[in-house]
Amino acid sequence: MRTVFFGSPPFAVAVLRSLLDAGAHVTAVVSQPDKPAGRGNQLTSPAVAQFARERGIAVHQPTKVRDGALAAWLRDQKADVAVVAAYGRILTQEVLDAPRLGCVNVHASLLPRWRGASPIARAIAAGDTKTGVCLMQMDAGLDTGPELARAEICVGDDDTTPSLEVRLAQLGGQLLVDHWASLAVGSLAARVQDETAATYAPPLRKEDGRLDLSRPAPELHALVRAVQPWPGAVVATVLGEDWKIGAAGLRWRDDTAPVGHIAAVDRDCVWIGCGSGCLGVAELQRPNKAKAAAPDVLRGVRLGAGAALAAEAT
């Protein structure tokens, strides 16, 4: 099949690599425009665009998707199918109708759960014990099209958004390859999604990373892992500084301690009282400082067991 691939971040690179390694005929890649990145704000291409150029595949980076130009370009490609994986923009019906077999999305959730832009982070934050990927025949809605295939994996207690994303990208690429021949002949059965079971995964905002320590420790443990690497988990401290909490070595236990107080300081971990239970933090980062071992950071500011750490301490 003549295939056009839509994608932007590293998640999409893994899916595209699986397609190419399986021998799929990808004629072009559509990705978002270059954006300023890094300290020098140099224009940088999305990961998929960089990968496609390395493989000698033509790259198209439209600045608009709703003016008809993208649909016209796609029709000119005479594509049999378009594969979409984390492209980052909503496609019009005209674009969806341009390929002979339409557009197929590789979505990183078990639809209809977690429709939207940040399904991986939302699944972790919600404490989901399993997630997966779905192949979906795209329609004009937000991840509302009929499901063609799915695969599931477990969410680990130490999974972060980046670590789970890697596993889901590999799973998504394999799922697509496994059903490629069936997709080509139209033999995949389409299952309509159950609208009553739908949940939504809006883009993460900076405030999503601000921790409310009055919440239970297991919920905070999940949230810290979910908001990596951005916006990061932040706690407002009694020093008037916002400190970031790292996900490495993160744990929790059922001990009781005042909310926002330092319950104990171990050799490699600081225990902070939560609404129920305690959160064990191994990494802390003060403003304009590098990440450091949490006990070392507390020693540097002369805070120890029993002291209030969070500005909201009760």
Protein backbone atom coordinates (compact mmCIF):
# COMPACT_ATOMS: atom_id res chain seq x y z
CA MET A 1 0.00 0.00 0.00
CA ARG A 2 1.12 3.52 -0.74
CA THR A 3 1.27 4.94 2.79
CA VAL A 4 1.59 8.47 4.14
CA PHE A 5 2.60 8.68 7.78
CA PHE A 6 1.53 11.50 10.12
CA GLY A 7 3.47 11.97 13.36
CA SER A 8 5.72 14.27 15.35
CA PRO A 9 7.29 13.09 18.68
CA PRO A 10 9.51 10.07 19.50
CA PHE A 11 6.42 7.90 20.10
CA ALA A 12 5.64 8.22 16.40
CA VAL A 13 9.23 7.42 15.42
CA ALA A 14 8.95 3.96 16.97
CA VAL A 15 5.71 3.28 15.09
CA LEU A 16 7.17 4.49 11.79
CA ARG A 17 10.33 2.43 12.31
CA SER A 18 8.23 -0.70 12.82
CA LEU A 19 6.35 -0.04 9.59
CA LEU A 20 9.51 0.50 7.58
CA ASP A 21 11.27 -2.52 9.09
CA ALA A 22 8.26 -4.61 8.07
CA GLY A 23 8.63 -3.44 4.47
CA ALA A 24 5.73 -0.99 4.27
CA HIS A 25 5.86 1.45 1.35
CA VAL A 26 5.87 4.84 3.08
CA THR A 27 5.93 7.49 0.37
CA ALA A 28 5.91 10.60 2.57
CA VAL A 29 5.80 11.78 6.17
CA VAL A 30 3.71 14.67 7.49
CA SER A 31 4.94 16.33 10.67
CA GLN A 32 4.48 19.57 12.55
CA PRO A 33 6.54 22.64 11.59
CA ASP A 34 9.98 23.20 13.08
CA LYS A 35 9.93 24.97 16.44
CA PRO A 36 12.51 26.84 18.55
CA ALA A 37 14.18 24.53 21.07
CA GLY A 38 17.10 24.49 23.47
CA ARG A 39 18.94 27.35 25.09
CA GLY A 40 19.65 29.00 21.76
CA ASN A 41 16.02 28.69 20.58
CA GLN A 42 17.24 27.21 17.32
CA LEU A 43 14.58 25.93 14.94
CA THR A 44 14.40 22.17 15.40
CA SER A 45 12.46 19.60 13.40
CA PRO A 46 10.15 17.12 15.17
CA ALA A 47 11.69 13.73 15.86
CA VAL A 48 9.68 12.05 13.09
CA ALA A 49 10.79 14.59 10.49
CA GLN A 50 14.43 14.07 11.42
CA PHE A 51 14.06 10.28 11.30
CA ALA A 52 12.25 10.35 7.94
CA ARG A 53 14.96 12.46 6.33
CA GLU A 54 17.59 10.03 7.62
CA ARG A 55 15.66 7.26 5.87
CA GLY A 56 15.35 9.27 2.66
CA ILE A 57 11.59 9.82 2.93
CA ALA A 58 10.01 13.07 1.75
CA VAL A 59 8.78 15.27 4.61
CA HIS A 60 5.85 17.68 4.48
CA GLN A 61 5.38 20.17 7.36
CA PRO A 62 2.24 22.23 6.75
CA THR A 63 1.57 25.23 8.95
CA LYS A 64 -2.20 24.82 8.49
CA VAL A 65 -4.40 21.74 8.21
CA ARG A 66 -7.84 23.31 7.69
CA ASP A 67 -7.37 25.47 4.60
CA GLY A 68 -7.74 22.61 2.09
CA ALA A 69 -4.08 22.59 1.04
CA LEU A 70 -3.15 19.53 3.12
CA ALA A 71 -6.10 17.57 1.74
CA ALA A 72 -5.15 18.51 -1.82
CA TRP A 73 -1.53 17.52 -1.20
CA LEU A 74 -2.64 14.17 0.25
CA ARG A 75 -4.85 13.46 -2.76
CA ASP A 76 -1.88 14.19 -5.03
CA GLN A 77 0.10 11.52 -3.15
CA LYS A 78 -2.44 8.92 -4.33
CA ALA A 79 -2.14 7.29 -0.93
CA ASP A 80 -3.94 4.06 -0.16
CA VAL A 81 -3.87 4.79 3.55
CA ALA A 82 -2.60 7.35 6.04
CA VAL A 83 -1.26 6.19 9.40
CA VAL A 84 -1.47 8.76 12.21
CA ALA A 85 0.52 8.45 15.44
CA ALA A 86 0.74 11.45 17.77
CA TYR A 87 0.66 13.99 14.95
CA GLY A 88 -0.61 16.66 17.34
CA ARG A 89 -3.29 18.30 15.21
CA ILE A 90 -6.93 17.52 14.52
CA LEU A 91 -7.50 16.51 10.90
CA THR A 92 -10.49 17.68 8.86
CA GLN A 93 -12.93 15.28 7.25
CA GLU A 94 -11.53 16.31 3.86
CA VAL A 95 -8.07 15.12 4.94
CA LEU A 96 -9.46 11.93 6.46
CA ASP A 97 -11.25 11.10 3.20
CA ALA A 98 -8.26 11.73 0.93
CA PRO A 99 -6.57 8.28 1.13
CA ARG A 100 -8.40 5.35 -0.48
CA LEU A 101 -8.70 3.51 2.87
CA GLY A 102 -8.92 6.63 4.98
CA CYS A 103 -6.75 7.39 8.02
CA VAL A 104 -5.85 4.90 10.75
CA ASN A 105 -4.73 6.15 14.15
CA VAL A 106 -2.35 4.43 16.58
CA HIS A 107 -3.65 5.72 19.91
CA ALA A 108 -1.88 5.09 23.22
CA SER A 109 -4.84 4.03 25.37
CA LEU A 110 -7.58 1.44 25.58
CA LEU A 111 -10.32 3.44 23.94
CA PRO A 112 -12.78 4.84 24.80
CA ARG A 113 -10.74 5.46 27.97
CA TRP A 114 -8.42 8.45 27.69
CA ARG A 115 -9.33 10.08 24.44
CA GLY A 116 -7.18 13.12 23.77
CA ALA A 117 -3.67 14.49 23.89
CA SER A 118 -2.12 12.99 27.03
CA PRO A 119 -3.49 9.46 27.48
CA ILE A 120 -0.29 8.00 28.93
CA ALA A 121 0.12 10.58 31.68
CA ARG A 122 -3.56 10.49 32.56
CA ALA A 123 -3.56 6.71 32.84
CA ILE A 124 -0.64 6.78 35.28
CA ALA A 125 -2.09 9.65 37.31
CA ALA A 126 -5.42 7.83 37.63
CA GLY A 127 -3.71 4.74 38.99
CA ASP A 128 -4.72 2.54 36.05
CA THR A 129 -3.18 -0.92 36.37
CA LYS A 130 -3.37 -1.59 32.66
CA THR A 131 -3.35 0.41 29.46
CA GLY A 132 -2.50 -0.29 25.83
CA VAL A 133 -2.82 0.85 22.26
CA CYS A 134 -5.70 0.85 19.80
CA LEU A 135 -5.86 0.97 16.03
CA MET A 136 -8.76 3.23 15.18
CA GLN A 137 -10.41 4.21 11.92
CA MET A 138 -10.38 7.97 12.27
CA ASP A 139 -13.44 10.18 12.01
CA ALA A 140 -13.86 13.91 12.61
CA GLY A 141 -14.31 13.50 16.38
CA LEU A 142 -11.67 13.42 19.10
CA ASP A 143 -10.56 9.76 19.05
CA THR A 144 -14.16 8.66 18.54
CA GLY A 145 -13.77 6.44 15.47
CA PRO A 146 -14.41 2.70 15.44
CA GLU A 147 -11.71 0.45 16.90
CA LEU A 148 -9.96 -2.00 14.57
CA ALA A 149 -7.58 -3.77 16.99
CA ARG A 150 -6.05 -3.39 20.45
CA ALA A 151 -3.24 -4.70 22.64
CA GLU A 152 -2.87 -4.38 26.42
CA ILE A 153 0.04 -4.08 28.86
CA CYS A 154 0.30 -3.63 32.62
CA VAL A 155 1.28 -0.29 34.17
CA GLY A 156 4.18 -0.82 36.56
CA ASP A 157 4.38 0.78 40.01
CA ASP A 158 7.55 2.57 38.91
CA ASP A 159 6.42 3.51 35.39
CA THR A 160 6.75 7.16 34.43
CA THR A 161 5.23 8.78 31.37
CA PRO A 162 8.51 8.45 29.40
CA SER A 163 9.08 4.80 30.35
CA LEU A 164 5.49 3.78 29.59
CA GLU A 165 5.56 5.76 26.35
CA VAL A 166 8.52 3.71 25.10
CA ARG A 167 6.72 0.44 25.76
CA LEU A 168 3.46 1.64 24.23
CA ALA A 169 5.20 2.93 21.11
CA GLN A 170 6.80 -0.46 20.55
CA LEU A 171 3.48 -2.17 21.20
CA GLY A 172 1.69 0.17 18.81
CA GLY A 173 4.18 -0.44 16.04
CA GLN A 174 3.88 -4.20 16.46
CA LEU A 175 0.07 -4.05 16.55
CA LEU A 176 0.04 -2.07 13.32
CA VAL A 177 2.42 -4.46 11.59
CA ASP A 178 0.50 -7.53 12.81
CA HIS A 179 -2.71 -6.23 11.22
CA TRP A 180 -1.21 -4.56 8.16
CA ALA A 181 -2.21 -7.24 5.68
CA SER A 182 -5.77 -7.36 7.03
CA LEU A 183 -5.99 -3.58 6.87
CA ALA A 184 -4.93 -3.66 3.22
CA VAL A 185 -7.78 -5.99 2.21
CA GLY A 186 -10.35 -4.40 4.51
CA SER A 187 -10.92 -7.49 6.64
CA LEU A 188 -10.51 -5.86 10.06
CA ALA A 189 -13.80 -5.77 11.94
CA ALA A 190 -14.62 -2.26 13.18
CA ARG A 191 -16.07 -2.03 16.70
CA VAL A 192 -18.03 1.09 17.62
CA GLN A 193 -16.80 2.68 20.84
CA ASP A 194 -19.00 2.74 23.94
CA GLU A 195 -19.67 6.44 24.46
CA THR A 196 -20.89 5.87 28.02
CA ALA A 197 -17.40 4.64 29.01
CA ALA A 198 -15.47 7.53 27.47
CA THR A 199 -12.95 9.51 29.52
CA TYR A 200 -10.76 12.36 28.34
CA ALA A 201 -7.08 13.21 28.54
CA PRO A 202 -6.59 16.95 27.99
CA PRO A 203 -3.06 18.30 27.51
CA LEU A 204 -1.05 18.63 30.69
CA ARG A 205 -0.82 22.13 32.15
CA LYS A 206 1.89 23.55 34.36
CA GLU A 207 -0.44 23.58 37.36
CA ASP A 208 -1.06 19.83 36.98
CA GLY A 209 2.34 19.25 38.53
CA ARG A 210 1.69 21.22 41.72
CA LEU A 211 1.25 18.73 44.56
CA ASP A 212 -1.52 18.98 47.13
CA LEU A 213 -0.04 17.03 50.02
CA SER A 214 -3.45 16.65 51.66
CA ARG A 215 -4.16 13.97 49.05
CA PRO A 216 -3.37 10.30 49.83
CA ALA A 217 0.23 9.20 49.32
CA PRO A 218 -0.63 6.58 46.62
CA GLU A 219 -2.32 9.27 44.51
CA LEU A 220 0.67 11.59 44.84
CA HIS A 221 3.02 8.72 44.00
CA ALA A 222 1.09 8.22 40.77
CA LEU A 223 0.92 11.93 39.96
CA VAL A 224 4.66 12.52 40.38
CA ARG A 225 5.37 9.71 37.92
CA ALA A 226 2.73 10.96 35.49
CA VAL A 227 4.00 14.55 35.17
CA GLN A 228 7.54 13.56 34.18
CA PRO A 229 9.34 15.16 32.41
CA TRP A 230 6.93 18.10 32.06
CA PRO A 231 5.60 19.96 33.92
CA GLY A 232 7.33 18.07 36.73
CA ALA A 233 6.06 17.60 40.28
CA VAL A 234 6.40 20.72 42.45
CA VAL A 235 5.85 21.36 46.16
CA ALA A 236 5.72 24.85 47.65
CA THR A 237 8.06 24.90 50.67
CA VAL A 238 8.23 26.90 53.90
CA LEU A 239 11.36 28.55 52.47
CA GLY A 240 9.26 30.33 49.86
CA GLU A 241 10.74 28.16 47.12
CA ASP A 242 9.11 25.67 44.79
CA TRP A 243 11.00 22.39 44.92
CA LYS A 244 10.73 19.71 42.25
CA ILE A 245 10.26 16.10 43.31
CA GLY A 246 11.94 13.49 41.13
CA ALA A 247 10.39 10.15 40.21
CA ALA A 248 13.54 8.07 40.67
CA GLY A 249 13.38 6.01 43.86
CA LEU A 250 9.89 7.31 44.67
CA ARG A 251 7.84 5.21 47.12
CA TRP A 252 5.04 5.44 49.65
CA ARG A 253 3.97 3.76 52.89
CA ASP A 254 1.03 3.78 55.29
CA ASP A 255 2.71 5.61 58.18
CA THR A 256 0.84 8.53 59.72
CA ALA A 257 2.46 11.98 59.89
CA PRO A 258 1.27 15.60 59.83
CA VAL A 259 0.57 16.81 56.32
CA GLY A 260 3.59 18.53 54.77
CA HIS A 261 5.95 17.63 57.63
CA ILE A 262 9.12 15.57 57.37
CA ALA A 263 8.18 12.26 58.97
CA ALA A 264 11.66 10.72 58.75
CA VAL A 265 14.98 11.02 56.95
CA ASP A 266 16.56 7.74 55.84
CA ARG A 267 19.95 7.26 54.25
CA ASP A 268 18.57 7.68 50.73
CA CYS A 269 15.01 8.92 51.21
CA VAL A 270 12.93 11.63 52.86
CA TRP A 271 9.43 10.73 54.08
CA ILE A 272 6.81 13.48 53.81
CA GLY A 273 3.42 13.33 55.52
CA CYS A 274 0.39 13.29 53.24
CA GLY A 275 -3.37 13.26 53.72
CA SER A 276 -3.01 9.56 54.36
CA GLY A 277 0.32 7.76 54.36
CA CYS A 278 3.75 9.18 53.63
CA LEU A 279 5.51 9.86 50.34
CA GLY A 280 9.12 8.71 50.14
CA VAL A 281 11.22 11.09 48.03
CA ALA A 282 14.74 10.22 46.90
CA GLU A 283 15.39 13.24 44.64
CA LEU A 284 14.75 16.93 45.20
CA GLN A 285 15.64 19.97 43.12
CA ARG A 286 15.76 23.51 44.40
CA PRO A 287 15.35 26.48 42.00
CA ASN A 288 18.37 26.95 39.73
CA LYS A 289 20.04 23.87 41.21
CA ALA A 290 20.67 20.38 39.88
CA LYS A 291 18.72 17.41 41.16
CA ALA A 292 20.28 15.97 44.31
CA ALA A 293 19.68 13.28 46.89
CA ALA A 294 16.76 14.40 49.03
CA PRO A 295 18.55 13.90 52.42
CA ASP A 296 21.45 16.03 51.20
CA VAL A 297 19.10 18.83 50.13
CA LEU A 298 17.45 18.89 53.56
CA ARG A 299 20.80 18.96 55.34
CA GLY A 300 21.76 21.93 53.21
CA VAL A 301 18.81 23.96 54.51
CA ARG A 302 18.94 22.49 58.03
CA LEU A 303 15.57 20.78 57.97
CA GLY A 304 15.16 17.44 59.71
CA ALA A 305 12.58 14.97 60.96
CA GLY A 306 9.55 16.65 62.48
CA ALA A 307 10.05 19.97 60.69
CA ALA A 308 7.50 21.46 58.35
CA LEU A 309 8.62 21.28 54.73
CA ALA A 310 5.58 22.28 52.71
CA ALA A 311 4.05 25.73 52.89
CA GLU A 312 0.68 24.02 53.38
CA ALA A 313 1.96 21.98 56.37
CA THR A 314 -0.68 21.37 59.06
